Amino acid sequence: MMNRIVKIVMVALSLSLSVAFADESVQPATDASAPSVETELKQELALRDSLMQVQGDACTLEKDSLRAAIDTEKAKSENWEKSYNTIKKDNETCAQMLSTSIGVNEKRKEKEEDERRNAAMMTSSSFLGGLGIGLLIMWLIMK
């Protein structure tokens, strides 16, 4: 697309240069050369019209190029927004799963700790119960 714009600009420059050189080579008009002056004016008008057309085409191309760039940026923006929302949703899900996992682990640790305490209590209770029965039997025997 840029090559096309460059070509159009080059054509416009060459036409404007040819007009500049044509202006320098114009001889003053006399009564005998009146039809050539009219022809020359028509040529200049045609050249001006073609230059305006070339400039109009260049502007149209630039406008289309800028619109395409805007559309591309809009599409990128929408894509980035979708990606961000997806990542945000995944992050929230992950955070919820992590907090649930941490809660489950804490409950399991508390349960294991309670079981250890209960086991220690049972062991000490059993020992003290055996000691108490032993002392009772010994007291009965010694009595």
C-alpha atoms as a PDB file:
ATOM      1  CA  MET A   1       0.000   0.000   0.000  1.00  0.00           C
ATOM      2  CA  MET A   2       2.893   2.328   0.828  1.00  0.00           C
ATOM      3  CA  ASN A   3       4.448   1.529  -2.582  1.00  0.00           C
ATOM      4  CA  ARG A   4       1.283   2.718  -4.246  1.00  0.00           C
ATOM      5  CA  ILE A   5       1.335   5.963  -2.305  1.00  0.00           C
ATOM      6  CA  VAL A   6       4.987   6.501  -3.205  1.00  0.00           C
ATOM      7  CA  LYS A   7       4.214   5.890  -6.905  1.00  0.00           C
ATOM      8  CA  ILE A   8       1.330   8.352  -6.796  1.00  0.00           C
ATOM      9  CA  VAL A   9       3.502  10.988  -5.146  1.00  0.00           C
ATOM     10  CA  MET A  10       6.234  10.423  -7.750  1.00  0.00           C
ATOM     11  CA  VAL A  11       3.717  10.825 -10.596  1.00  0.00           C
ATOM     12  CA  ALA A  12       2.404  14.004  -9.004  1.00  0.00           C
ATOM     13  CA  LEU A  13       5.930  15.395  -8.665  1.00  0.00           C
ATOM     14  CA  SER A  14       6.821  14.572 -12.257  1.00  0.00           C
ATOM     15  CA  LEU A  15       3.626  16.216 -13.501  1.00  0.00           C
ATOM     16  CA  SER A  16       4.218  19.320 -11.423  1.00  0.00           C
ATOM     17  CA  LEU A  17       7.815  19.524 -12.674  1.00  0.00           C
ATOM     18  CA  SER A  18       6.651  19.224 -16.274  1.00  0.00           C
ATOM     19  CA  VAL A  19       4.194  22.061 -15.614  1.00  0.00           C
ATOM     20  CA  ALA A  20       6.981  24.182 -14.131  1.00  0.00           C
ATOM     21  CA  PHE A  21       9.209  23.608 -17.180  1.00  0.00           C
ATOM     22  CA  ALA A  22       6.264  24.194 -19.510  1.00  0.00           C
ATOM     23  CA  ASP A  23       5.600  27.541 -17.822  1.00  0.00           C
ATOM     24  CA  GLU A  24       9.192  28.639 -18.465  1.00  0.00           C
ATOM     25  CA  SER A  25       9.062  27.718 -22.127  1.00  0.00           C
ATOM     26  CA  VAL A  26       5.804  29.569 -22.812  1.00  0.00           C
ATOM     27  CA  GLN A  27       6.213  32.420 -25.234  1.00  0.00           C
ATOM     28  CA  PRO A  28       4.167  35.569 -24.971  1.00  0.00           C
ATOM     29  CA  ALA A  29       0.842  35.275 -26.714  1.00  0.00           C
ATOM     30  CA  THR A  30       0.166  37.270 -29.854  1.00  0.00           C
ATOM     31  CA  ASP A  31      -2.915  37.604 -31.962  1.00  0.00           C
ATOM     32  CA  ALA A  32      -1.703  34.880 -34.292  1.00  0.00           C
ATOM     33  CA  SER A  33      -1.112  32.428 -31.467  1.00  0.00           C
ATOM     34  CA  ALA A  34      -4.527  32.846 -29.808  1.00  0.00           C
ATOM     35  CA  PRO A  35      -5.682  29.279 -30.574  1.00  0.00           C
ATOM     36  CA  SER A  36      -2.462  27.886 -29.074  1.00  0.00           C
ATOM     37  CA  VAL A  37      -3.039  29.882 -25.860  1.00  0.00           C
ATOM     38  CA  GLU A  38      -6.513  28.381 -25.573  1.00  0.00           C
ATOM     39  CA  THR A  39      -5.082  24.932 -26.202  1.00  0.00           C
ATOM     40  CA  GLU A  40      -2.380  25.583 -23.652  1.00  0.00           C
ATOM     41  CA  LEU A  41      -4.967  26.653 -21.056  1.00  0.00           C
ATOM     42  CA  LYS A  42      -6.960  23.500 -21.728  1.00  0.00           C
ATOM     43  CA  GLN A  43      -3.802  21.438 -21.268  1.00  0.00           C
ATOM     44  CA  GLU A  44      -3.015  23.228 -17.997  1.00  0.00           C
ATOM     45  CA  LEU A  45      -6.571  22.629 -16.780  1.00  0.00           C
ATOM     46  CA  ALA A  46      -6.333  18.970 -17.732  1.00  0.00           C
ATOM     47  CA  LEU A  47      -2.977  18.714 -15.957  1.00  0.00           C
ATOM     48  CA  ARG A  48      -4.406  20.438 -12.869  1.00  0.00           C
ATOM     49  CA  ASP A  49      -7.391  18.084 -12.886  1.00  0.00           C
ATOM     50  CA  SER A  50      -5.117  15.045 -13.183  1.00  0.00           C
ATOM     51  CA  LEU A  51      -2.942  16.324 -10.323  1.00  0.00           C
ATOM     52  CA  MET A  52      -6.011  16.862  -8.185  1.00  0.00           C
ATOM     53  CA  GLN A  53      -7.186  13.351  -9.040  1.00  0.00           C
ATOM     54  CA  VAL A  54      -3.787  11.901  -8.076  1.00  0.00           C
ATOM     55  CA  GLN A  55      -3.817  13.841  -4.800  1.00  0.00           C
ATOM     56  CA  GLY A  56      -7.385  12.703  -4.153  1.00  0.00           C
ATOM     57  CA  ASP A  57      -6.361   9.078  -4.774  1.00  0.00           C
ATOM     58  CA  ALA A  58      -3.392   9.494  -2.426  1.00  0.00           C
ATOM     59  CA  CYS A  59      -5.665  10.921   0.274  1.00  0.00           C
ATOM     60  CA  THR A  60      -8.149   8.086  -0.234  1.00  0.00           C
ATOM     61  CA  LEU A  61      -5.367   5.519   0.066  1.00  0.00           C
ATOM     62  CA  GLU A  62      -4.023   7.151   3.210  1.00  0.00           C
ATOM     63  CA  LYS A  63      -7.514   7.318   4.711  1.00  0.00           C
ATOM     64  CA  ASP A  64      -8.104   3.621   3.925  1.00  0.00           C
ATOM     65  CA  SER A  65      -4.720   2.748   5.390  1.00  0.00           C
ATOM     66  CA  LEU A  66      -5.489   4.648   8.595  1.00  0.00           C
ATOM     67  CA  ARG A  67      -8.919   3.021   8.865  1.00  0.00           C
ATOM     68  CA  ALA A  68      -7.329  -0.407   8.467  1.00  0.00           C
ATOM     69  CA  ALA A  69      -4.803   0.456  11.179  1.00  0.00           C
ATOM     70  CA  ILE A  70      -7.616   1.600  13.503  1.00  0.00           C
ATOM     71  CA  ASP A  71      -9.580  -1.591  12.823  1.00  0.00           C
ATOM     72  CA  THR A  72      -6.482  -3.654  13.565  1.00  0.00           C
ATOM     73  CA  GLU A  73      -5.900  -1.800  16.827  1.00  0.00           C
ATOM     74  CA  LYS A  74      -9.549  -2.266  17.821  1.00  0.00           C
ATOM     75  CA  ALA A  75      -9.289  -6.000  17.139  1.00  0.00           C
ATOM     76  CA  LYS A  76      -6.075  -6.213  19.170  1.00  0.00           C
ATOM     77  CA  SER A  77      -7.693  -4.268  22.007  1.00  0.00           C
ATOM     78  CA  GLU A  78     -10.718  -6.575  22.052  1.00  0.00           C
ATOM     79  CA  ASN A  79      -8.436  -9.621  21.970  1.00  0.00           C
ATOM     80  CA  TRP A  80      -6.319  -8.281  24.835  1.00  0.00           C
ATOM     81  CA  GLU A  81      -9.452  -7.490  26.837  1.00  0.00           C
ATOM     82  CA  LYS A  82     -10.774 -11.030  26.322  1.00  0.00           C
ATOM     83  CA  SER A  83      -7.399 -12.480  27.310  1.00  0.00           C
ATOM     84  CA  TYR A  84      -7.277 -10.278  30.407  1.00  0.00           C
ATOM     85  CA  ASN A  85     -10.794 -11.299  31.453  1.00  0.00           C
ATOM     86  CA  THR A  86      -9.953 -14.973  30.928  1.00  0.00           C
ATOM     87  CA  ILE A  87      -6.775 -14.702  32.973  1.00  0.00           C
ATOM     88  CA  LYS A  88      -8.629 -12.751  35.675  1.00  0.00           C
ATOM     89  CA  LYS A  89     -11.327 -15.440  35.854  1.00  0.00           C
ATOM     90  CA  ASP A  90      -8.699 -18.209  35.982  1.00  0.00           C
ATOM     91  CA  ASN A  91      -6.839 -16.341  38.717  1.00  0.00           C
ATOM     92  CA  GLU A  92     -10.011 -15.973  40.793  1.00  0.00           C
ATOM     93  CA  THR A  93     -10.777 -19.681  40.375  1.00  0.00           C
ATOM     94  CA  CYS A  94      -7.224 -20.583  41.343  1.00  0.00           C
ATOM     95  CA  ALA A  95      -7.369 -18.302  44.402  1.00  0.00           C
ATOM     96  CA  GLN A  96     -10.621 -19.928  45.533  1.00  0.00           C
ATOM     97  CA  MET A  97      -9.185 -23.418  45.066  1.00  0.00           C
ATOM     98  CA  LEU A  98      -6.052 -22.436  46.947  1.00  0.00           C
ATOM     99  CA  SER A  99      -8.012 -21.023  49.898  1.00  0.00           C
ATOM    100  CA  THR A 100     -10.176 -24.168  49.969  1.00  0.00           C
ATOM    101  CA  SER A 101      -7.078 -26.363  49.894  1.00  0.00           C
ATOM    102  CA  ILE A 102      -5.439 -24.370  52.686  1.00  0.00           C
ATOM    103  CA  GLY A 103      -8.635 -24.645  54.767  1.00  0.00           C
ATOM    104  CA  VAL A 104      -8.785 -28.426  54.239  1.00  0.00           C
ATOM    105  CA  ASN A 105      -5.113 -28.800  55.179  1.00  0.00           C
ATOM    106  CA  GLU A 106      -5.584 -26.742  58.354  1.00  0.00           C
ATOM    107  CA  LYS A 107      -8.599 -28.839  59.371  1.00  0.00           C
ATOM    108  CA  ARG A 108      -6.657 -32.047  58.708  1.00  0.00           C
ATOM    109  CA  LYS A 109      -3.744 -30.797  60.825  1.00  0.00           C
ATOM    110  CA  GLU A 110      -6.119 -29.881  63.674  1.00  0.00           C
ATOM    111  CA  LYS A 111      -7.744 -33.313  63.445  1.00  0.00           C
ATOM    112  CA  GLU A 112      -4.362 -35.082  63.510  1.00  0.00           C
ATOM    113  CA  GLU A 113      -3.282 -32.964  66.465  1.00  0.00           C
ATOM    114  CA  ASP A 114      -6.513 -33.810  68.318  1.00  0.00           C
ATOM    115  CA  GLU A 115      -5.963 -37.520  67.591  1.00  0.00           C
ATOM    116  CA  ARG A 116      -2.386 -37.299  68.953  1.00  0.00           C
ATOM    117  CA  ARG A 117      -3.652 -35.598  72.115  1.00  0.00           C
ATOM    118  CA  ASN A 118      -6.373 -38.210  72.520  1.00  0.00           C
ATOM    119  CA  ALA A 119      -3.848 -41.009  71.985  1.00  0.00           C
ATOM    120  CA  ALA A 120      -1.497 -39.470  74.572  1.00  0.00           C
ATOM    121  CA  MET A 121      -4.418 -39.045  76.964  1.00  0.00           C
ATOM    122  CA  MET A 122      -5.468 -42.662  76.483  1.00  0.00           C
ATOM    123  CA  THR A 123      -1.927 -43.889  77.062  1.00  0.00           C
ATOM    124  CA  SER A 124      -1.495 -41.833  80.217  1.00  0.00           C
ATOM    125  CA  SER A 125      -4.987 -42.773  81.435  1.00  0.00           C
ATOM    126  CA  SER A 126      -4.267 -46.434  80.849  1.00  0.00           C
ATOM    127  CA  PHE A 127      -0.939 -46.175  82.663  1.00  0.00           C
ATOM    128  CA  LEU A 128      -2.487 -44.337  85.607  1.00  0.00           C
ATOM    129  CA  GLY A 129      -5.405 -46.795  85.683  1.00  0.00           C
ATOM    130  CA  GLY A 130      -2.982 -49.744  85.785  1.00  0.00           C
ATOM    131  CA  LEU A 131      -0.954 -48.038  88.471  1.00  0.00           C
ATOM    132  CA  GLY A 132      -4.110 -47.392  90.492  1.00  0.00           C
ATOM    133  CA  ILE A 133      -5.271 -51.013  90.211  1.00  0.00           C
ATOM    134  CA  GLY A 134      -1.778 -52.203  91.136  1.00  0.00           C
ATOM    135  CA  LEU A 135      -1.758 -50.002  94.234  1.00  0.00           C
ATOM    136  CA  LEU A 136      -5.225 -51.190  95.190  1.00  0.00           C
ATOM    137  CA  ILE A 137      -4.217 -54.827  94.871  1.00  0.00           C
ATOM    138  CA  MET A 138      -1.071 -54.181  96.804  1.00  0.00           C
ATOM    139  CA  TRP A 139      -3.030 -52.445  99.544  1.00  0.00           C
ATOM    140  CA  LEU A 140      -5.479 -55.346  99.707  1.00  0.00           C
ATOM    141  CA  ILE A 141      -2.664 -57.832  99.961  1.00  0.00           C
ATOM    142  CA  MET A 142      -0.873 -55.895 102.621  1.00  0.00           C
ATOM    143  CA  LYS A 143      -3.853 -55.292 104.717  1.00  0.00           C
END
